[in-house]
Amino acid sequence: MPVTAKAFIALAMTGLGLGVFQAIASIILAGRADDPAGFGSLVAWVGPLREFALGIILAGIALALVTIGDVLRFQFGRVRQLARTSG
């Protein structure tokens, strides 16, 4: 398995975990909206966490596309090699 494929899996799982954590934290914060001081400071961290999680997921998708390109390049080279030697 290529290293980029392994990194894709790790990044996708990390991004998904952070996204789920952010959603759960938002639900919990909605229940604590009566404390303005604590609510404001926590929202300042939980809000941008969604964008960070999305960035990690998109970085993983970019690595998946790199992996697909590498595999297609290898397969094309192999088919070309077989066509030259079998003719």
PDB file of N, CA and C in Angstrom:
ATOM      1  N   MET A   1       0.846  -1.175   0.000  1.00  0.00           N
ATOM      2  CA  MET A   1       0.000   0.000   0.000  1.00  0.00           C
ATOM      3  C   MET A   1       0.892   1.239   0.000  1.00  0.00           C
ATOM      4  N   PRO A   2       0.657   2.170  -0.900  1.00  0.00           N
ATOM      5  CA  PRO A   2       1.489   3.385  -0.948  1.00  0.00           C
ATOM      6  C   PRO A   2       1.367   4.215   0.332  1.00  0.00           C
ATOM      7  N   VAL A   3       2.414   4.948   0.632  1.00  0.00           N
ATOM      8  CA  VAL A   3       2.433   5.793   1.829  1.00  0.00           C
ATOM      9  C   VAL A   3       1.342   6.858   1.750  1.00  0.00           C
ATOM     10  N   THR A   4       1.087   7.372   0.555  1.00  0.00           N
ATOM     11  CA  THR A   4       0.052   8.400   0.419  1.00  0.00           C
ATOM     12  C   THR A   4      -1.330   7.838   0.724  1.00  0.00           C
ATOM     13  N   ALA A   5      -1.555   6.566   0.420  1.00  0.00           N
ATOM     14  CA  ALA A   5      -2.839   5.945   0.745  1.00  0.00           C
ATOM     15  C   ALA A   5      -2.992   5.784   2.254  1.00  0.00           C
ATOM     16  N   LYS A   6      -1.925   5.407   2.924  1.00  0.00           N
ATOM     17  CA  LYS A   6      -1.965   5.287   4.386  1.00  0.00           C
ATOM     18  C   LYS A   6      -2.194   6.651   5.034  1.00  0.00           C
ATOM     19  N   ALA A   7      -1.543   7.676   4.492  1.00  0.00           N
ATOM     20  CA  ALA A   7      -1.723   9.027   5.026  1.00  0.00           C
ATOM     21  C   ALA A   7      -3.149   9.513   4.775  1.00  0.00           C
ATOM     22  N   PHE A   8      -3.732   9.148   3.629  1.00  0.00           N
ATOM     23  CA  PHE A   8      -5.121   9.510   3.354  1.00  0.00           C
ATOM     24  C   PHE A   8      -6.054   8.942   4.408  1.00  0.00           C
ATOM     25  N   ILE A   9      -5.864   7.674   4.740  1.00  0.00           N
ATOM     26  CA  ILE A   9      -6.720   7.040   5.740  1.00  0.00           C
ATOM     27  C   ILE A   9      -6.576   7.746   7.088  1.00  0.00           C
ATOM     28  N   ALA A  10      -5.342   8.038   7.470  1.00  0.00           N
ATOM     29  CA  ALA A  10      -5.113   8.707   8.761  1.00  0.00           C
ATOM     30  C   ALA A  10      -5.734  10.105   8.779  1.00  0.00           C
ATOM     31  N   LEU A  11      -5.550  10.866   7.716  1.00  0.00           N
ATOM     32  CA  LEU A  11      -6.106  12.212   7.673  1.00  0.00           C
ATOM     33  C   LEU A  11      -7.631  12.204   7.620  1.00  0.00           C
ATOM     34  N   ALA A  12      -8.202  11.273   6.859  1.00  0.00           N
ATOM     35  CA  ALA A  12      -9.653  11.204   6.773  1.00  0.00           C
ATOM     36  C   ALA A  12     -10.259  10.837   8.127  1.00  0.00           C
ATOM     37  N   MET A  13      -9.655   9.887   8.817  1.00  0.00           N
ATOM     38  CA  MET A  13     -10.174   9.498  10.133  1.00  0.00           C
ATOM     39  C   MET A  13     -10.014  10.626  11.139  1.00  0.00           C
ATOM     40  N   THR A  14      -8.888  11.321  11.099  1.00  0.00           N
ATOM     41  CA  THR A  14      -8.668  12.440  12.020  1.00  0.00           C
ATOM     42  C   THR A  14      -9.658  13.563  11.757  1.00  0.00           C
ATOM     43  N   GLY A  15      -9.833  13.927  10.506  1.00  0.00           N
ATOM     44  CA  GLY A  15     -10.769  14.988  10.157  1.00  0.00           C
ATOM     45  C   GLY A  15     -12.195  14.638  10.523  1.00  0.00           C
ATOM     46  N   LEU A  16     -12.585  13.388  10.283  1.00  0.00           N
ATOM     47  CA  LEU A  16     -13.932  12.965  10.633  1.00  0.00           C
ATOM     48  C   LEU A  16     -14.129  12.973  12.144  1.00  0.00           C
ATOM     49  N   GLY A  17     -13.128  12.519  12.880  1.00  0.00           N
ATOM     50  CA  GLY A  17     -13.212  12.537  14.338  1.00  0.00           C
ATOM     51  C   GLY A  17     -13.340  13.948  14.884  1.00  0.00           C
ATOM     52  N   LEU A  18     -12.546  14.861  14.338  1.00  0.00           N
ATOM     53  CA  LEU A  18     -12.650  16.260  14.770  1.00  0.00           C
ATOM     54  C   LEU A  18     -14.001  16.864  14.410  1.00  0.00           C
ATOM     55  N   GLY A  19     -14.531  16.497  13.261  1.00  0.00           N
ATOM     56  CA  GLY A  19     -15.843  16.998  12.869  1.00  0.00           C
ATOM     57  C   GLY A  19     -16.942  16.509  13.803  1.00  0.00           C
ATOM     58  N   VAL A  20     -16.871  15.242  14.180  1.00  0.00           N
ATOM     59  CA  VAL A  20     -17.859  14.695  15.116  1.00  0.00           C
ATOM     60  C   VAL A  20     -17.699  15.352  16.481  1.00  0.00           C
ATOM     61  N   PHE A  21     -16.446  15.537  16.918  1.00  0.00           N
ATOM     62  CA  PHE A  21     -16.196  16.202  18.199  1.00  0.00           C
ATOM     63  C   PHE A  21     -16.762  17.618  18.191  1.00  0.00           C
ATOM     64  N   GLN A  22     -16.573  18.326  17.087  1.00  0.00           N
ATOM     65  CA  GLN A  22     -17.076  19.692  16.985  1.00  0.00           C
ATOM     66  C   GLN A  22     -18.593  19.718  17.040  1.00  0.00           C
ATOM     67  N   ALA A  23     -19.244  18.769  16.386  1.00  0.00           N
ATOM     68  CA  ALA A  23     -20.706  18.726  16.404  1.00  0.00           C
ATOM     69  C   ALA A  23     -21.229  18.442  17.810  1.00  0.00           C
ATOM     70  N   ILE A  24     -20.599  17.493  18.492  1.00  0.00           N
ATOM     71  CA  ILE A  24     -21.020  17.162  19.854  1.00  0.00           C
ATOM     72  C   ILE A  24     -20.764  18.349  20.784  1.00  0.00           C
ATOM     73  N   ALA A  25     -19.610  18.992  20.631  1.00  0.00           N
ATOM     74  CA  ALA A  25     -19.297  20.156  21.464  1.00  0.00           C
ATOM     75  C   ALA A  25     -20.292  21.292  21.212  1.00  0.00           C
ATOM     76  N   SER A  26     -20.729  21.469  19.981  1.00  0.00           N
ATOM     77  CA  SER A  26     -21.718  22.511  19.681  1.00  0.00           C
ATOM     78  C   SER A  26     -23.053  22.211  20.346  1.00  0.00           C
ATOM     79  N   ILE A  27     -23.445  20.947  20.350  1.00  0.00           N
ATOM     80  CA  ILE A  27     -24.702  20.561  20.998  1.00  0.00           C
ATOM     81  C   ILE A  27     -24.618  20.787  22.499  1.00  0.00           C
ATOM     82  N   ILE A  28     -23.490  20.418  23.087  1.00  0.00           N
ATOM     83  CA  ILE A  28     -23.308  20.625  24.524  1.00  0.00           C
ATOM     84  C   ILE A  28     -23.298  22.111  24.853  1.00  0.00           C
ATOM     85  N   LEU A  29     -22.639  22.906  24.010  1.00  0.00           N
ATOM     86  CA  LEU A  29     -22.589  24.347  24.245  1.00  0.00           C
ATOM     87  C   LEU A  29     -23.964  24.993  24.122  1.00  0.00           C
ATOM     88  N   ALA A  30     -24.797  24.448  23.263  1.00  0.00           N
ATOM     89  CA  ALA A  30     -26.142  25.009  23.114  1.00  0.00           C
ATOM     90  C   ALA A  30     -26.926  24.867  24.416  1.00  0.00           C
ATOM     91  N   GLY A  31     -26.638  23.828  25.175  1.00  0.00           N
ATOM     92  CA  GLY A  31     -27.299  23.648  26.460  1.00  0.00           C
ATOM     93  C   GLY A  31     -26.758  24.546  27.550  1.00  0.00           C
ATOM     94  N   ARG A  32     -25.560  25.085  27.346  1.00  0.00           N
ATOM     95  CA  ARG A  32     -24.942  25.953  28.356  1.00  0.00           C
ATOM     96  C   ARG A  32     -24.943  27.415  27.938  1.00  0.00           C
ATOM     97  N   ALA A  33     -25.853  27.811  27.106  1.00  0.00           N
ATOM     98  CA  ALA A  33     -25.879  29.189  26.600  1.00  0.00           C
ATOM     99  C   ALA A  33     -26.245  30.205  27.673  1.00  0.00           C
ATOM    100  N   ASP A  34     -26.663  29.735  28.847  1.00  0.00           N
ATOM    101  CA  ASP A  34     -27.043  30.671  29.904  1.00  0.00           C
ATOM    102  C   ASP A  34     -25.837  31.280  30.619  1.00  0.00           C
ATOM    103  N   ASP A  35     -24.640  30.739  30.430  1.00  0.00           N
ATOM    104  CA  ASP A  35     -23.411  31.281  31.025  1.00  0.00           C
ATOM    105  C   ASP A  35     -22.641  32.044  29.946  1.00  0.00           C
ATOM    106  N   PRO A  36     -22.810  33.365  29.826  1.00  0.00           N
ATOM    107  CA  PRO A  36     -22.233  34.109  28.703  1.00  0.00           C
ATOM    108  C   PRO A  36     -20.702  34.091  28.660  1.00  0.00           C
ATOM    109  N   ALA A  37     -20.044  34.151  29.807  1.00  0.00           N
ATOM    110  CA  ALA A  37     -18.577  34.201  29.807  1.00  0.00           C
ATOM    111  C   ALA A  37     -17.985  32.894  29.307  1.00  0.00           C
ATOM    112  N   GLY A  38     -18.444  31.806  29.848  1.00  0.00           N
ATOM    113  CA  GLY A  38     -17.933  30.501  29.425  1.00  0.00           C
ATOM    114  C   GLY A  38     -18.348  30.157  28.011  1.00  0.00           C
ATOM    115  N   PHE A  39     -19.570  30.539  27.661  1.00  0.00           N
ATOM    116  CA  PHE A  39     -20.091  30.250  26.324  1.00  0.00           C
ATOM    117  C   PHE A  39     -19.271  30.956  25.252  1.00  0.00           C
ATOM    118  N   GLY A  40     -18.973  32.233  25.464  1.00  0.00           N
ATOM    119  CA  GLY A  40     -18.214  33.000  24.469  1.00  0.00           C
ATOM    120  C   GLY A  40     -16.812  32.465  24.257  1.00  0.00           C
ATOM    121  N   SER A  41     -16.146  32.086  25.334  1.00  0.00           N
ATOM    122  CA  SER A  41     -14.775  31.591  25.188  1.00  0.00           C
ATOM    123  C   SER A  41     -14.741  30.219  24.527  1.00  0.00           C
ATOM    124  N   LEU A  42     -15.729  29.385  24.810  1.00  0.00           N
ATOM    125  CA  LEU A  42     -15.747  28.059  24.181  1.00  0.00           C
ATOM    126  C   LEU A  42     -16.149  28.125  22.719  1.00  0.00           C
ATOM    127  N   VAL A  43     -17.077  29.003  22.388  1.00  0.00           N
ATOM    128  CA  VAL A  43     -17.489  29.141  20.994  1.00  0.00           C
ATOM    129  C   VAL A  43     -16.329  29.640  20.132  1.00  0.00           C
ATOM    130  N   ALA A  44     -15.460  30.425  20.729  1.00  0.00           N
ATOM    131  CA  ALA A  44     -14.297  30.927  19.996  1.00  0.00           C
ATOM    132  C   ALA A  44     -13.382  29.790  19.548  1.00  0.00           C
ATOM    133  N   TRP A  45     -13.398  28.656  20.249  1.00  0.00           N
ATOM    134  CA  TRP A  45     -12.570  27.506  19.869  1.00  0.00           C
ATOM    135  C   TRP A  45     -13.341  26.491  19.041  1.00  0.00           C
ATOM    136  N   VAL A  46     -14.600  26.293  19.350  1.00  0.00           N
ATOM    137  CA  VAL A  46     -15.366  25.246  18.677  1.00  0.00           C
ATOM    138  C   VAL A  46     -15.728  25.640  17.246  1.00  0.00           C
ATOM    139  N   GLY A  47     -16.006  26.899  17.003  1.00  0.00           N
ATOM    140  CA  GLY A  47     -16.379  27.336  15.659  1.00  0.00           C
ATOM    141  C   GLY A  47     -15.311  27.059  14.607  1.00  0.00           C
ATOM    142  N   PRO A  48     -14.082  27.528  14.804  1.00  0.00           N
ATOM    143  CA  PRO A  48     -13.034  27.278  13.808  1.00  0.00           C
ATOM    144  C   PRO A  48     -12.605  25.818  13.707  1.00  0.00           C
ATOM    145  N   LEU A  49     -12.952  25.014  14.687  1.00  0.00           N
ATOM    146  CA  LEU A  49     -12.587  23.594  14.633  1.00  0.00           C
ATOM    147  C   LEU A  49     -13.253  22.906  13.453  1.00  0.00           C
ATOM    148  N   ARG A  50     -14.437  23.359  13.068  1.00  0.00           N
ATOM    149  CA  ARG A  50     -15.134  22.781  11.915  1.00  0.00           C
ATOM    150  C   ARG A  50     -14.323  23.008  10.637  1.00  0.00           C
ATOM    151  N   GLU A  51     -13.814  24.221  10.460  1.00  0.00           N
ATOM    152  CA  GLU A  51     -13.025  24.515   9.262  1.00  0.00           C
ATOM    153  C   GLU A  51     -11.694  23.758   9.271  1.00  0.00           C
ATOM    154  N   PHE A  52     -11.103  23.617  10.447  1.00  0.00           N
ATOM    155  CA  PHE A  52      -9.854  22.853  10.555  1.00  0.00           C
ATOM    156  C   PHE A  52     -10.086  21.391  10.191  1.00  0.00           C
ATOM    157  N   ALA A  53     -11.188  20.814  10.685  1.00  0.00           N
ATOM    158  CA  ALA A  53     -11.515  19.420  10.362  1.00  0.00           C
ATOM    159  C   ALA A  53     -11.749  19.264   8.863  1.00  0.00           C
ATOM    160  N   LEU A  54     -12.438  20.208   8.264  1.00  0.00           N
ATOM    161  CA  LEU A  54     -12.676  20.143   6.823  1.00  0.00           C
ATOM    162  C   LEU A  54     -11.368  20.245   6.046  1.00  0.00           C
ATOM    163  N   GLY A  55     -10.459  21.094   6.503  1.00  0.00           N
ATOM    164  CA  GLY A  55      -9.152  21.209   5.849  1.00  0.00           C
ATOM    165  C   GLY A  55      -8.366  19.907   5.906  1.00  0.00           C
ATOM    166  N   ILE A  56      -8.440  19.221   7.035  1.00  0.00           N
ATOM    167  CA  ILE A  56      -7.744  17.943   7.158  1.00  0.00           C
ATOM    168  C   ILE A  56      -8.361  16.906   6.226  1.00  0.00           C
ATOM    169  N   ILE A  57      -9.679  16.881   6.155  1.00  0.00           N
ATOM    170  CA  ILE A  57     -10.346  15.940   5.245  1.00  0.00           C
ATOM    171  C   ILE A  57      -9.969  16.234   3.797  1.00  0.00           C
ATOM    172  N   LEU A  58      -9.942  17.505   3.417  1.00  0.00           N
ATOM    173  CA  LEU A  58      -9.583  17.863   2.041  1.00  0.00           C
ATOM    174  C   LEU A  58      -8.124  17.544   1.731  1.00  0.00           C
ATOM    175  N   ALA A  59      -7.245  17.691   2.717  1.00  0.00           N
ATOM    176  CA  ALA A  59      -5.851  17.290   2.512  1.00  0.00           C
ATOM    177  C   ALA A  59      -5.759  15.781   2.282  1.00  0.00           C
ATOM    178  N   GLY A  60      -6.571  15.023   3.003  1.00  0.00           N
ATOM    179  CA  GLY A  60      -6.604  13.577   2.780  1.00  0.00           C
ATOM    180  C   GLY A  60      -7.111  13.223   1.397  1.00  0.00           C
ATOM    181  N   ILE A  61      -8.125  13.948   0.924  1.00  0.00           N
ATOM    182  CA  ILE A  61      -8.642  13.699  -0.418  1.00  0.00           C
ATOM    183  C   ILE A  61      -7.585  14.018  -1.473  1.00  0.00           C
ATOM    184  N   ALA A  62      -6.817  15.073  -1.243  1.00  0.00           N
ATOM    185  CA  ALA A  62      -5.738  15.402  -2.184  1.00  0.00           C
ATOM    186  C   ALA A  62      -4.709  14.265  -2.232  1.00  0.00           C
ATOM    187  N   LEU A  63      -4.395  13.695  -1.078  1.00  0.00           N
ATOM    188  CA  LEU A  63      -3.466  12.554  -1.063  1.00  0.00           C
ATOM    189  C   LEU A  63      -4.066  11.344  -1.768  1.00  0.00           C
ATOM    190  N   ALA A  64      -5.368  11.142  -1.648  1.00  0.00           N
ATOM    191  CA  ALA A  64      -6.015  10.037  -2.354  1.00  0.00           C
ATOM    192  C   ALA A  64      -5.909  10.233  -3.865  1.00  0.00           C
ATOM    193  N   LEU A  65      -6.063  11.470  -4.321  1.00  0.00           N
ATOM    194  CA  LEU A  65      -5.928  11.738  -5.756  1.00  0.00           C
ATOM    195  C   LEU A  65      -4.502  11.520  -6.237  1.00  0.00           C
ATOM    196  N   VAL A  66      -3.525  11.860  -5.408  1.00  0.00           N
ATOM    197  CA  VAL A  66      -2.127  11.589  -5.750  1.00  0.00           C
ATOM    198  C   VAL A  66      -1.903  10.087  -5.864  1.00  0.00           C
ATOM    199  N   THR A  67      -2.479   9.329  -4.948  1.00  0.00           N
ATOM    200  CA  THR A  67      -2.349   7.870  -4.980  1.00  0.00           C
ATOM    201  C   THR A  67      -2.972   7.301  -6.245  1.00  0.00           C
ATOM    202  N   ILE A  68      -4.145   7.789  -6.604  1.00  0.00           N
ATOM    203  CA  ILE A  68      -4.799   7.314  -7.831  1.00  0.00           C
ATOM    204  C   ILE A  68      -3.932   7.608  -9.047  1.00  0.00           C
ATOM    205  N   GLY A  69      -3.355   8.809  -9.098  1.00  0.00           N
ATOM    206  CA  GLY A  69      -2.468   9.157 -10.211  1.00  0.00           C
ATOM    207  C   GLY A  69      -1.253   8.250 -10.283  1.00  0.00           C
ATOM    208  N   ASP A  70      -0.659   7.941  -9.143  1.00  0.00           N
ATOM    209  CA  ASP A  70       0.509   7.048  -9.121  1.00  0.00           C
ATOM    210  C   ASP A  70       0.147   5.648  -9.599  1.00  0.00           C
ATOM    211  N   VAL A  71      -0.985   5.131  -9.147  1.00  0.00           N
ATOM    212  CA  VAL A  71      -1.406   3.793  -9.547  1.00  0.00           C
ATOM    213  C   VAL A  71      -1.712   3.753 -11.041  1.00  0.00           C
ATOM    214  N   LEU A  72      -2.393   4.762 -11.557  1.00  0.00           N
ATOM    215  CA  LEU A  72      -2.685   4.790 -12.991  1.00  0.00           C
ATOM    216  C   LEU A  72      -1.410   4.914 -13.820  1.00  0.00           C
ATOM    217  N   ARG A  73      -0.452   5.715 -13.332  1.00  0.00           N
ATOM    218  CA  ARG A  73       0.822   5.845 -14.032  1.00  0.00           C
ATOM    219  C   ARG A  73       1.551   4.495 -14.080  1.00  0.00           C
ATOM    220  N   PHE A  74       1.545   3.766 -12.970  1.00  0.00           N
ATOM    221  CA  PHE A  74       2.186   2.449 -12.933  1.00  0.00           C
ATOM    222  C   PHE A  74       1.481   1.476 -13.874  1.00  0.00           C
ATOM    223  N   GLN A  75       0.146   1.459 -13.845  1.00  0.00           N
ATOM    224  CA  GLN A  75      -0.594   0.535 -14.696  1.00  0.00           C
ATOM    225  C   GLN A  75      -0.393   0.849 -16.182  1.00  0.00           C
ATOM    226  N   PHE A  76      -0.377   2.128 -16.510  1.00  0.00           N
ATOM    227  CA  PHE A  76      -0.159   2.505 -17.903  1.00  0.00           C
ATOM    228  C   PHE A  76       1.228   2.061 -18.361  1.00  0.00           C
ATOM    229  N   GLY A  77       2.231   2.266 -17.532  1.00  0.00           N
ATOM    230  CA  GLY A  77       3.581   1.833 -17.872  1.00  0.00           C
ATOM    231  C   GLY A  77       3.683   0.331 -18.015  1.00  0.00           C
ATOM    232  N   ARG A  78       2.991  -0.385 -17.162  1.00  0.00           N
ATOM    233  CA  ARG A  78       3.021  -1.851 -17.225  1.00  0.00           C
ATOM    234  C   ARG A  78       2.331  -2.357 -18.481  1.00  0.00           C
ATOM    235  N   VAL A  79       1.188  -1.788 -18.836  1.00  0.00           N
ATOM    236  CA  VAL A  79       0.484  -2.202 -20.045  1.00  0.00           C
ATOM    237  C   VAL A  79       1.334  -1.880 -21.278  1.00  0.00           C
ATOM    238  N   ARG A  80       1.978  -0.720 -21.274  1.00  0.00           N
ATOM    239  CA  ARG A  80       2.849  -0.354 -22.396  1.00  0.00           C
ATOM    240  C   ARG A  80       4.024  -1.324 -22.505  1.00  0.00           C
ATOM    241  N   GLN A  81       4.583  -1.715 -21.382  1.00  0.00           N
ATOM    242  CA  GLN A  81       5.686  -2.676 -21.370  1.00  0.00           C
ATOM    243  C   GLN A  81       5.230  -4.029 -21.905  1.00  0.00           C
ATOM    244  N   LEU A  82       4.068  -4.481 -21.498  1.00  0.00           N
ATOM    245  CA  LEU A  82       3.550  -5.760 -21.985  1.00  0.00           C
ATOM    246  C   LEU A  82       3.251  -5.708 -23.471  1.00  0.00           C
ATOM    247  N   ALA A  83       2.755  -4.574 -23.946  1.00  0.00           N
ATOM    248  CA  ALA A  83       2.459  -4.454 -25.386  1.00  0.00           C
ATOM    249  C   ALA A  83       3.737  -4.506 -26.217  1.00  0.00           C
ATOM    250  N   ARG A  84       4.832  -3.930 -25.700  1.00  0.00           N
ATOM    251  CA  ARG A  84       6.100  -3.940 -26.437  1.00  0.00           C
ATOM    252  C   ARG A  84       6.733  -5.322 -26.462  1.00  0.00           C
ATOM    253  N   THR A  85       6.653  -6.041 -25.365  1.00  0.00           N
ATOM    254  CA  THR A  85       7.342  -7.338 -25.291  1.00  0.00           C
ATOM    255  C   THR A  85       6.517  -8.465 -25.893  1.00  0.00           C
ATOM    256  N   SER A  86       5.217  -8.346 -25.980  1.00  0.00           N
ATOM    257  CA  SER A  86       4.391  -9.452 -26.506  1.00  0.00           C
ATOM    258  C   SER A  86       4.259  -9.387 -28.030  1.00  0.00           C
ATOM    259  N   GLY A  87       4.570  -8.261 -28.651  1.00  0.00           N
ATOM    260  CA  GLY A  87       4.366  -8.060 -30.088  1.00  0.00           C
ATOM    261  C   GLY A  87       5.424  -8.672 -30.877  1.00  0.00           C
TER     262      GLY A  87
END
